[in-house]
Amino acid sequence: MRMRHEILSWEDVDRLIDHLVPQLDVEFEGMVIITRGGIIPGGLLAETLGITHVLTAAVDFPAEMEAAASKLYAWPEFLQFPDDANLEGRRILVVDDVWGSGRTITAVVNRVAAAGGIPYTCVLHFNPYRNLFGSARPDYYAAVTDAHIIYPWEIDRGPGKVLRSPLGEG
């Protein structure tokens, strides 16, 4: 079965951020942005919310395994993660672009909590159909989708790029 794709514009991203901001009912003392997908939404939110304590986490999972169930047992490798002292006792907004399987953001949340931080999750898109964690869901999200989302910063860049006409038509 072929997965549906949705290509977003910068205006679409602005609308998603505008939808998220009123939901954020906690005064956050820091932010952990998950690389690479969370960098742009995290930066936009940090600027809008006035969060200056902005950190990054880079997480990698081993190559996909044969059985789908074994994905849950794969241990993440943290290529980069903030020092515990930067998280302890702080309300931390953990930001990524999308919650698909939930593996990456869940790994980061668990590590923030283990460091003594109080994590809250925030994504632009939540895909409950790919979620590997039952009823777990992001604390804050702008939209629910079953599509593979292509953000404007992913267009016309890198291998496997998405081509778009110069007039912005899909």
C-alpha atoms as a PDB file:
ATOM      1  CA  MET A   1       0.000   0.000   0.000  1.00  0.00           C
ATOM      2  CA  ARG A   2       1.375   3.395  -0.981  1.00  0.00           C
ATOM      3  CA  MET A   3       1.505   6.037   1.744  1.00  0.00           C
ATOM      4  CA  ARG A   4      -0.178   9.356   1.105  1.00  0.00           C
ATOM      5  CA  HIS A   5       2.162  12.377   1.037  1.00  0.00           C
ATOM      6  CA  GLU A   6       1.338  15.936   1.987  1.00  0.00           C
ATOM      7  CA  ILE A   7       3.624  18.826   1.000  1.00  0.00           C
ATOM      8  CA  LEU A   8       3.417  21.844   3.296  1.00  0.00           C
ATOM      9  CA  SER A   9       4.224  25.468   2.570  1.00  0.00           C
ATOM     10  CA  TRP A  10       5.819  27.923   4.988  1.00  0.00           C
ATOM     11  CA  GLU A  11       2.358  29.429   5.445  1.00  0.00           C
ATOM     12  CA  ASP A  12       1.074  26.005   6.512  1.00  0.00           C
ATOM     13  CA  VAL A  13       3.854  25.800   9.098  1.00  0.00           C
ATOM     14  CA  ASP A  14       2.985  29.297  10.365  1.00  0.00           C
ATOM     15  CA  ARG A  15      -0.634  28.192  10.828  1.00  0.00           C
ATOM     16  CA  LEU A  16       0.491  25.069  12.721  1.00  0.00           C
ATOM     17  CA  ILE A  17       2.682  27.154  15.049  1.00  0.00           C
ATOM     18  CA  ASP A  18      -0.205  29.607  15.553  1.00  0.00           C
ATOM     19  CA  HIS A  19      -2.415  26.645  16.488  1.00  0.00           C
ATOM     20  CA  LEU A  20       0.162  25.281  18.955  1.00  0.00           C
ATOM     21  CA  VAL A  21       1.057  28.428  20.870  1.00  0.00           C
ATOM     22  CA  PRO A  22      -2.291  28.932  22.663  1.00  0.00           C
ATOM     23  CA  GLN A  23      -2.174  25.286  23.824  1.00  0.00           C
ATOM     24  CA  LEU A  24       1.131  25.774  25.659  1.00  0.00           C
ATOM     25  CA  ASP A  25      -0.299  26.512  29.088  1.00  0.00           C
ATOM     26  CA  VAL A  26       2.908  25.886  31.061  1.00  0.00           C
ATOM     27  CA  GLU A  27       5.810  28.290  31.594  1.00  0.00           C
ATOM     28  CA  PHE A  28       8.726  26.272  30.262  1.00  0.00           C
ATOM     29  CA  GLU A  29      12.196  26.757  31.690  1.00  0.00           C
ATOM     30  CA  GLY A  30      13.932  25.162  28.757  1.00  0.00           C
ATOM     31  CA  MET A  31      13.529  23.357  25.476  1.00  0.00           C
ATOM     32  CA  VAL A  32      15.138  20.254  24.005  1.00  0.00           C
ATOM     33  CA  ILE A  33      14.908  20.223  20.225  1.00  0.00           C
ATOM     34  CA  ILE A  34      15.243  16.827  18.562  1.00  0.00           C
ATOM     35  CA  THR A  35      17.522  16.990  15.552  1.00  0.00           C
ATOM     36  CA  ARG A  36      16.975  17.306  12.695  1.00  0.00           C
ATOM     37  CA  GLY A  37      13.210  17.516  12.302  1.00  0.00           C
ATOM     38  CA  GLY A  38      12.588  19.586  15.402  1.00  0.00           C
ATOM     39  CA  ILE A  39      15.132  22.302  14.693  1.00  0.00           C
ATOM     40  CA  ILE A  40      12.895  24.660  12.711  1.00  0.00           C
ATOM     41  CA  PRO A  41       9.647  24.185  14.681  1.00  0.00           C
ATOM     42  CA  GLY A  42      11.652  24.358  17.920  1.00  0.00           C
ATOM     43  CA  GLY A  43      13.347  27.569  16.855  1.00  0.00           C
ATOM     44  CA  LEU A  44      10.035  29.139  15.896  1.00  0.00           C
ATOM     45  CA  LEU A  45       8.463  28.132  19.214  1.00  0.00           C
ATOM     46  CA  ALA A  46      11.489  29.241  21.265  1.00  0.00           C
ATOM     47  CA  GLU A  47      11.365  32.661  19.640  1.00  0.00           C
ATOM     48  CA  THR A  48       7.592  32.984  20.058  1.00  0.00           C
ATOM     49  CA  LEU A  49       7.605  31.814  23.689  1.00  0.00           C
ATOM     50  CA  GLY A  50      10.778  33.654  24.668  1.00  0.00           C
ATOM     51  CA  ILE A  51      12.583  30.461  25.695  1.00  0.00           C
ATOM     52  CA  THR A  52      16.330  31.126  25.773  1.00  0.00           C
ATOM     53  CA  HIS A  53      17.479  27.875  27.387  1.00  0.00           C
ATOM     54  CA  VAL A  54      17.438  25.854  24.115  1.00  0.00           C
ATOM     55  CA  LEU A  55      19.266  22.516  23.890  1.00  0.00           C
ATOM     56  CA  THR A  56      19.442  19.738  21.298  1.00  0.00           C
ATOM     57  CA  ALA A  57      19.238  15.964  21.317  1.00  0.00           C
ATOM     58  CA  ALA A  58      20.377  13.737  18.468  1.00  0.00           C
ATOM     59  CA  VAL A  59      19.084  10.163  18.589  1.00  0.00           C
ATOM     60  CA  ASP A  60      19.763   7.222  16.321  1.00  0.00           C
ATOM     61  CA  PHE A  61      18.176   3.789  16.283  1.00  0.00           C
ATOM     62  CA  PRO A  62      19.818   0.700  14.772  1.00  0.00           C
ATOM     63  CA  ALA A  63      18.854  -0.206  11.212  1.00  0.00           C
ATOM     64  CA  GLU A  64      15.320  -1.502  10.860  1.00  0.00           C
ATOM     65  CA  MET A  65      14.938  -5.068  12.057  1.00  0.00           C
ATOM     66  CA  GLU A  66      13.010  -7.904  10.450  1.00  0.00           C
ATOM     67  CA  ALA A  67      10.032  -8.127  12.797  1.00  0.00           C
ATOM     68  CA  ALA A  68       7.993  -4.988  13.411  1.00  0.00           C
ATOM     69  CA  ALA A  69       7.613  -5.867  17.110  1.00  0.00           C
ATOM     70  CA  SER A  70      11.398  -5.879  17.552  1.00  0.00           C
ATOM     71  CA  LYS A  71      11.442  -2.113  16.843  1.00  0.00           C
ATOM     72  CA  LEU A  72      10.203  -1.573  20.377  1.00  0.00           C
ATOM     73  CA  TYR A  73      13.236  -3.370  21.792  1.00  0.00           C
ATOM     74  CA  ALA A  74      15.895  -1.439  19.890  1.00  0.00           C
ATOM     75  CA  TRP A  75      18.021   0.715  22.208  1.00  0.00           C
ATOM     76  CA  PRO A  76      18.557   4.268  21.022  1.00  0.00           C
ATOM     77  CA  GLU A  77      22.013   5.706  20.621  1.00  0.00           C
ATOM     78  CA  PHE A  78      22.204   9.284  21.871  1.00  0.00           C
ATOM     79  CA  LEU A  79      24.666  10.998  19.552  1.00  0.00           C
ATOM     80  CA  GLN A  80      24.181  14.250  21.452  1.00  0.00           C
ATOM     81  CA  PHE A  81      22.267  15.022  24.635  1.00  0.00           C
ATOM     82  CA  PRO A  82      22.259  17.875  27.168  1.00  0.00           C
ATOM     83  CA  ASP A  83      24.042  17.462  30.468  1.00  0.00           C
ATOM     84  CA  ASP A  84      21.734  16.445  33.319  1.00  0.00           C
ATOM     85  CA  ALA A  85      22.485  19.705  35.164  1.00  0.00           C
ATOM     86  CA  ASN A  86      20.807  21.627  32.313  1.00  0.00           C
ATOM     87  CA  LEU A  87      17.559  19.666  32.768  1.00  0.00           C
ATOM     88  CA  GLU A  88      17.239  18.891  36.470  1.00  0.00           C
ATOM     89  CA  GLY A  89      14.226  20.497  38.120  1.00  0.00           C
ATOM     90  CA  ARG A  90      13.170  22.346  34.962  1.00  0.00           C
ATOM     91  CA  ARG A  91       9.969  22.157  32.940  1.00  0.00           C
ATOM     92  CA  ILE A  92      11.330  21.153  29.524  1.00  0.00           C
ATOM     93  CA  LEU A  93       9.434  21.356  26.238  1.00  0.00           C
ATOM     94  CA  VAL A  94      10.660  18.514  23.985  1.00  0.00           C
ATOM     95  CA  VAL A  95      10.037  19.469  20.343  1.00  0.00           C
ATOM     96  CA  ASP A  96      10.075  17.441  17.135  1.00  0.00           C
ATOM     97  CA  ASP A  97       8.339  17.862  13.787  1.00  0.00           C
ATOM     98  CA  VAL A  98       6.253  14.690  13.889  1.00  0.00           C
ATOM     99  CA  TRP A  99       5.311  11.894  16.283  1.00  0.00           C
ATOM    100  CA  GLY A 100       5.166   8.886  13.959  1.00  0.00           C
ATOM    101  CA  SER A 101       6.196   5.705  15.734  1.00  0.00           C
ATOM    102  CA  GLY A 102       6.973   7.748  18.850  1.00  0.00           C
ATOM    103  CA  ARG A 103      10.302   5.989  19.450  1.00  0.00           C
ATOM    104  CA  THR A 104      12.573   9.020  19.204  1.00  0.00           C
ATOM    105  CA  ILE A 105      10.545  11.481  21.260  1.00  0.00           C
ATOM    106  CA  THR A 106       9.785   8.816  23.884  1.00  0.00           C
ATOM    107  CA  ALA A 107      13.498   8.031  24.225  1.00  0.00           C
ATOM    108  CA  VAL A 108      14.280  11.738  24.709  1.00  0.00           C
ATOM    109  CA  VAL A 109      11.435  12.212  27.210  1.00  0.00           C
ATOM    110  CA  ASN A 110      12.638   9.246  29.255  1.00  0.00           C
ATOM    111  CA  ARG A 111      16.171  10.612  29.299  1.00  0.00           C
ATOM    112  CA  VAL A 112      14.970  14.117  30.327  1.00  0.00           C
ATOM    113  CA  ALA A 113      12.905  12.581  33.144  1.00  0.00           C
ATOM    114  CA  ALA A 114      15.849  10.417  34.261  1.00  0.00           C
ATOM    115  CA  ALA A 115      17.925  13.613  34.533  1.00  0.00           C
ATOM    116  CA  GLY A 116      15.318  15.096  36.853  1.00  0.00           C
ATOM    117  CA  GLY A 117      13.640  17.297  34.264  1.00  0.00           C
ATOM    118  CA  ILE A 118       9.882  17.582  33.798  1.00  0.00           C
ATOM    119  CA  PRO A 119       9.295  16.831  30.098  1.00  0.00           C
ATOM    120  CA  TYR A 120       6.366  17.931  27.946  1.00  0.00           C
ATOM    121  CA  THR A 121       6.130  16.809  24.322  1.00  0.00           C
ATOM    122  CA  CYS A 122       5.258  19.032  21.377  1.00  0.00           C
ATOM    123  CA  VAL A 123       5.064  18.208  17.656  1.00  0.00           C
ATOM    124  CA  LEU A 124       3.564  19.743  14.568  1.00  0.00           C
ATOM    125  CA  HIS A 125       1.971  16.450  13.462  1.00  0.00           C
ATOM    126  CA  PHE A 126       0.796  13.395  15.381  1.00  0.00           C
ATOM    127  CA  ASN A 127       0.238  10.152  13.444  1.00  0.00           C
ATOM    128  CA  PRO A 128      -1.774   7.849  15.745  1.00  0.00           C
ATOM    129  CA  TYR A 129      -1.796   5.145  13.064  1.00  0.00           C
ATOM    130  CA  ARG A 130       1.993   4.629  13.306  1.00  0.00           C
ATOM    131  CA  ASN A 131       2.273   5.139  17.069  1.00  0.00           C
ATOM    132  CA  LEU A 132       4.014   2.172  18.731  1.00  0.00           C
ATOM    133  CA  PHE A 133       3.113   3.273  22.267  1.00  0.00           C
ATOM    134  CA  GLY A 134      -0.586   2.457  22.589  1.00  0.00           C
ATOM    135  CA  SER A 135      -2.569   5.370  23.943  1.00  0.00           C
ATOM    136  CA  ALA A 136       0.518   7.567  24.491  1.00  0.00           C
ATOM    137  CA  ARG A 137       0.341  10.815  22.561  1.00  0.00           C
ATOM    138  CA  PRO A 138       2.096  14.182  22.506  1.00  0.00           C
ATOM    139  CA  ASP A 139       1.125  16.704  25.185  1.00  0.00           C
ATOM    140  CA  TYR A 140       0.780  19.333  22.454  1.00  0.00           C
ATOM    141  CA  TYR A 141       0.290  18.887  18.708  1.00  0.00           C
ATOM    142  CA  ALA A 142      -1.073  21.026  15.923  1.00  0.00           C
ATOM    143  CA  ALA A 143      -2.573  18.377  13.630  1.00  0.00           C
ATOM    144  CA  VAL A 144      -3.393  14.675  13.345  1.00  0.00           C
ATOM    145  CA  THR A 145      -2.439  12.937  10.109  1.00  0.00           C
ATOM    146  CA  ASP A 146      -2.034   9.575   8.443  1.00  0.00           C
ATOM    147  CA  ALA A 147       0.166  11.059   5.691  1.00  0.00           C
ATOM    148  CA  HIS A 148       3.909  11.313   5.272  1.00  0.00           C
ATOM    149  CA  ILE A 149       4.443  15.047   5.788  1.00  0.00           C
ATOM    150  CA  ILE A 150       7.002  16.900   3.692  1.00  0.00           C
ATOM    151  CA  TYR A 151       7.920  20.192   5.324  1.00  0.00           C
ATOM    152  CA  PRO A 152       9.060  23.223   3.301  1.00  0.00           C
ATOM    153  CA  TRP A 153      12.635  22.898   4.589  1.00  0.00           C
ATOM    154  CA  GLU A 154      12.795  19.381   3.074  1.00  0.00           C
ATOM    155  CA  ILE A 155      11.894  20.459  -0.456  1.00  0.00           C
ATOM    156  CA  ASP A 156      14.546  20.631  -3.199  1.00  0.00           C
ATOM    157  CA  ARG A 157      17.329  19.541  -0.854  1.00  0.00           C
ATOM    158  CA  GLY A 158      19.440  16.436  -0.489  1.00  0.00           C
ATOM    159  CA  PRO A 159      19.100  12.943  -1.909  1.00  0.00           C
ATOM    160  CA  GLY A 160      15.542  11.889  -2.581  1.00  0.00           C
ATOM    161  CA  LYS A 161      14.491  15.526  -2.785  1.00  0.00           C
ATOM    162  CA  VAL A 162      10.960  16.534  -3.577  1.00  0.00           C
ATOM    163  CA  LEU A 163      10.675  18.595  -6.719  1.00  0.00           C
ATOM    164  CA  ARG A 164       8.355  21.561  -6.685  1.00  0.00           C
ATOM    165  CA  SER A 165       7.541  23.947  -9.467  1.00  0.00           C
ATOM    166  CA  PRO A 166       8.923  27.516  -9.220  1.00  0.00           C
ATOM    167  CA  LEU A 167       5.369  28.786  -8.764  1.00  0.00           C
ATOM    168  CA  GLY A 168       4.960  26.729  -5.578  1.00  0.00           C
ATOM    169  CA  GLU A 169       2.499  24.318  -7.150  1.00  0.00           C
ATOM    170  CA  GLY A 170       2.777  20.751  -5.805  1.00  0.00           C
END
